[in-house]
């Protein structure tokens, strides 16, 4: 309050800030005229750019419509037999590819099965061979045990 009272002139009850704000208001009126003129110029420039952007949009829309029309002319109808033939060809091609892959898988499995059968045959022969040698050793063991037994009996008879 002291600052405001100190800036009061004699006979004037308004403060200095109020007095200066009035003079600011006077200058702002003249500035508003300049701003309005500048805005009008900018609007004219803006309308030119808007016209350009509208023209570009119209050109884009017409080009899109043209491309859509071309696509529609290439589109097939319900009664079109070429679509059916195309689908049949694709299905036949898929069948052939699947059949080829299945044939390859079957051949691979058959070859693995054949190799395992050969290996099983070799192992069966080896089992028979080992069985024969085992029987021969068993017979030899029995013969040797009988021989030991008979020798033991002869030794006992000789000792008696």
Protein backbone atom coordinates (compact mmCIF):
# COMPACT_ATOMS: atom_id res chain seq x y z
CA UNK A 1 0.00 0.00 0.00
CA UNK A 2 2.87 2.34 0.75
CA UNK A 3 4.22 2.03 -2.76
CA UNK A 4 0.86 2.77 -4.23
CA UNK A 5 0.39 5.81 -1.99
CA UNK A 6 3.81 7.11 -2.86
CA UNK A 7 3.07 7.04 -6.57
CA UNK A 8 -0.16 9.00 -6.26
CA UNK A 9 0.05 12.46 -7.78
CA UNK A 10 -1.52 15.43 -6.18
CA UNK A 11 -5.23 15.60 -6.87
CA UNK A 12 -5.18 12.18 -8.59
CA UNK A 13 -6.60 9.34 -6.63
CA UNK A 14 -5.57 6.62 -9.10
CA UNK A 15 -2.41 4.66 -8.70
CA UNK A 16 0.37 4.76 -11.22
CA UNK A 17 -0.31 1.15 -12.34
CA UNK A 18 -3.90 2.06 -13.13
CA UNK A 19 -2.84 5.16 -15.04
CA UNK A 20 -0.30 3.20 -17.09
CA UNK A 21 -2.84 0.47 -17.81
CA UNK A 22 -5.10 3.05 -19.42
CA UNK A 23 -2.34 4.18 -21.71
CA UNK A 24 -1.64 0.53 -22.48
CA UNK A 25 -5.27 0.10 -23.42
CA UNK A 26 -5.01 3.01 -25.82
CA UNK A 27 -2.03 1.45 -27.58
CA UNK A 28 -3.63 -1.99 -27.60
CA UNK A 29 -6.57 -0.64 -29.64
CA UNK A 30 -4.24 0.46 -32.39
CA UNK A 31 -2.38 -2.86 -32.17
CA UNK A 32 -5.64 -4.78 -32.55
CA UNK A 33 -6.25 -3.13 -35.92
CA UNK A 34 -2.82 -4.31 -37.11
CA UNK A 35 -3.43 -7.81 -35.77
CA UNK A 36 -6.80 -8.01 -37.54
CA UNK A 37 -5.18 -7.03 -40.82
CA UNK A 38 -2.43 -9.62 -40.32
CA UNK A 39 -5.03 -12.28 -39.53
CA UNK A 40 -6.93 -11.44 -42.73
CA UNK A 41 -3.71 -11.89 -44.72
CA UNK A 42 -3.01 -15.17 -42.95
CA UNK A 43 -6.56 -16.35 -43.63
CA UNK A 44 -6.08 -15.65 -47.31
CA UNK A 45 -2.82 -17.62 -47.24
CA UNK A 46 -4.53 -20.35 -45.20
CA UNK A 47 -7.41 -20.55 -47.63
CA UNK A 48 -4.91 -20.95 -50.47
CA UNK A 49 -3.25 -23.83 -48.65
CA UNK A 50 -6.66 -25.27 -47.83
CA UNK A 51 -7.61 -25.10 -51.51
CA UNK A 52 -4.35 -26.85 -52.37
CA UNK A 53 -4.93 -29.55 -49.77
CA UNK A 54 -8.52 -30.01 -50.96
CA UNK A 55 -7.30 -30.35 -54.53
CA UNK A 56 -4.73 -32.92 -53.42
CA UNK A 57 -7.41 -34.82 -51.51
CA UNK A 58 -9.67 -34.81 -54.55
CA UNK A 59 -6.83 -36.10 -56.71
CA UNK A 60 -6.08 -38.84 -54.18
CA UNK A 61 -9.74 -39.80 -54.01
CA UNK A 62 -10.07 -39.97 -57.79
CA UNK A 63 -6.93 -42.09 -58.10
CA UNK A 64 -8.21 -44.45 -55.38
CA UNK A 65 -11.59 -44.70 -57.13
CA UNK A 66 -9.82 -45.46 -60.39
CA UNK A 67 -7.76 -48.24 -58.80
CA UNK A 68 -10.90 -49.67 -57.15
CA UNK A 69 -12.68 -49.67 -60.51
CA UNK A 70 -9.78 -51.55 -62.07
CA UNK A 71 -9.86 -54.12 -59.27
CA UNK A 72 -13.62 -54.53 -59.63
CA UNK A 73 -13.28 -55.15 -63.35
CA UNK A 74 -10.81 -57.96 -62.58
CA UNK A 75 -13.07 -59.46 -59.92
CA UNK A 76 -14.74 -62.79 -60.64
CA UNK A 77 -18.47 -63.37 -60.51
CA UNK A 78 -20.33 -66.24 -58.82
CA UNK A 79 -20.94 -68.05 -62.08
CA UNK A 80 -17.33 -67.80 -63.16
CA UNK A 81 -15.96 -71.25 -63.97
CA UNK A 82 -12.38 -70.01 -63.97
CA UNK A 83 -12.55 -69.65 -60.18
CA UNK A 84 -13.71 -73.25 -59.84
CA UNK A 85 -10.94 -74.44 -62.15
CA UNK A 86 -8.39 -72.42 -60.23
CA UNK A 87 -9.51 -73.97 -56.94
CA UNK A 88 -9.43 -77.47 -58.48
CA UNK A 89 -5.91 -76.89 -59.78
CA UNK A 90 -4.72 -75.65 -56.40
CA UNK A 91 -6.31 -78.60 -54.60
CA UNK A 92 -4.79 -81.08 -57.07
CA UNK A 93 -1.38 -79.48 -56.69
CA UNK A 94 -1.65 -79.68 -52.90
CA UNK A 95 -2.70 -83.34 -53.12
CA UNK A 96 0.31 -84.15 -55.30
CA UNK A 97 2.71 -82.37 -52.95
CA UNK A 98 1.25 -84.13 -49.91
CA UNK A 99 1.36 -87.48 -51.71
CA UNK A 100 5.01 -86.96 -52.66
CA UNK A 101 5.96 -86.10 -49.10
CA UNK A 102 4.06 -89.12 -47.77
CA UNK A 103 5.75 -91.42 -50.29
CA UNK A 104 9.16 -90.13 -49.20
CA UNK A 105 8.30 -90.66 -45.53
CA UNK A 106 7.01 -94.19 -46.23
CA UNK A 107 10.18 -95.07 -48.17
CA UNK A 108 12.31 -93.77 -45.31
CA UNK A 109 10.37 -95.80 -42.74
CA UNK A 110 10.55 -98.91 -44.95
CA UNK A 111 14.32 -98.57 -45.34
CA UNK A 112 14.74 -98.17 -41.58
CA UNK A 113 12.52 -101.22 -41.02
CA UNK A 114 14.56 -103.26 -43.53
CA UNK A 115 17.82 -102.27 -41.82
CA UNK A 116 16.40 -103.28 -38.44
CA UNK A 117 15.22 -106.62 -39.85
CA UNK A 118 18.72 -107.28 -41.21
CA UNK A 119 20.20 -106.40 -37.83
CA UNK A 120 17.66 -108.65 -36.09
CA UNK A 121 18.58 -111.50 -38.47
CA UNK A 122 22.28 -111.07 -37.66
CA UNK A 123 21.52 -111.00 -33.95
CA UNK A 124 19.33 -114.13 -34.25
CA UNK A 125 22.20 -116.00 -35.97
CA UNK A 126 24.58 -114.85 -33.26
CA UNK A 127 22.13 -116.01 -30.58
CA UNK A 128 21.91 -119.45 -32.20
CA UNK A 129 25.68 -119.64 -32.42
CA UNK A 130 26.08 -118.62 -28.78
CA UNK A 131 23.35 -121.11 -27.82
CA UNK A 132 25.23 -123.93 -29.56
CA UNK A 133 28.50 -123.03 -27.86
CA UNK A 134 26.68 -122.82 -24.53
CA UNK A 135 25.17 -126.29 -25.07
CA UNK A 136 28.57 -127.64 -26.07
CA UNK A 137 30.14 -126.18 -22.92
CA UNK A 138 27.29 -127.57 -20.83
CA UNK A 139 27.81 -131.02 -22.31
CA UNK A 140 31.56 -130.70 -21.75
CA UNK A 141 30.97 -129.69 -18.12
CA UNK A 142 28.65 -132.65 -17.55
CA UNK A 143 31.17 -135.02 -19.15
CA UNK A 144 33.97 -133.60 -17.00
CA UNK A 145 31.84 -133.88 -13.85
CA UNK A 146 31.06 -137.53 -14.66
CA UNK A 147 34.73 -138.17 -15.28
CA UNK A 148 35.64 -136.54 -11.96
CA UNK A 149 32.98 -138.58 -10.23
CA UNK A 150 34.17 -141.85 -11.76
CA UNK A 151 37.79 -141.05 -10.92
CA UNK A 152 36.75 -140.24 -7.39
CA UNK A 153 34.96 -143.58 -7.12
CA UNK A 154 37.93 -145.47 -8.56
CA UNK A 155 40.23 -143.70 -6.13
CA UNK A 156 37.98 -144.69 -3.25
CA UNK A 157 37.87 -148.29 -4.35
CA UNK A 158 41.61 -148.40 -4.69
CA UNK A 159 42.06 -146.98 -1.24
CA UNK A 160 39.77 -149.44 0.31
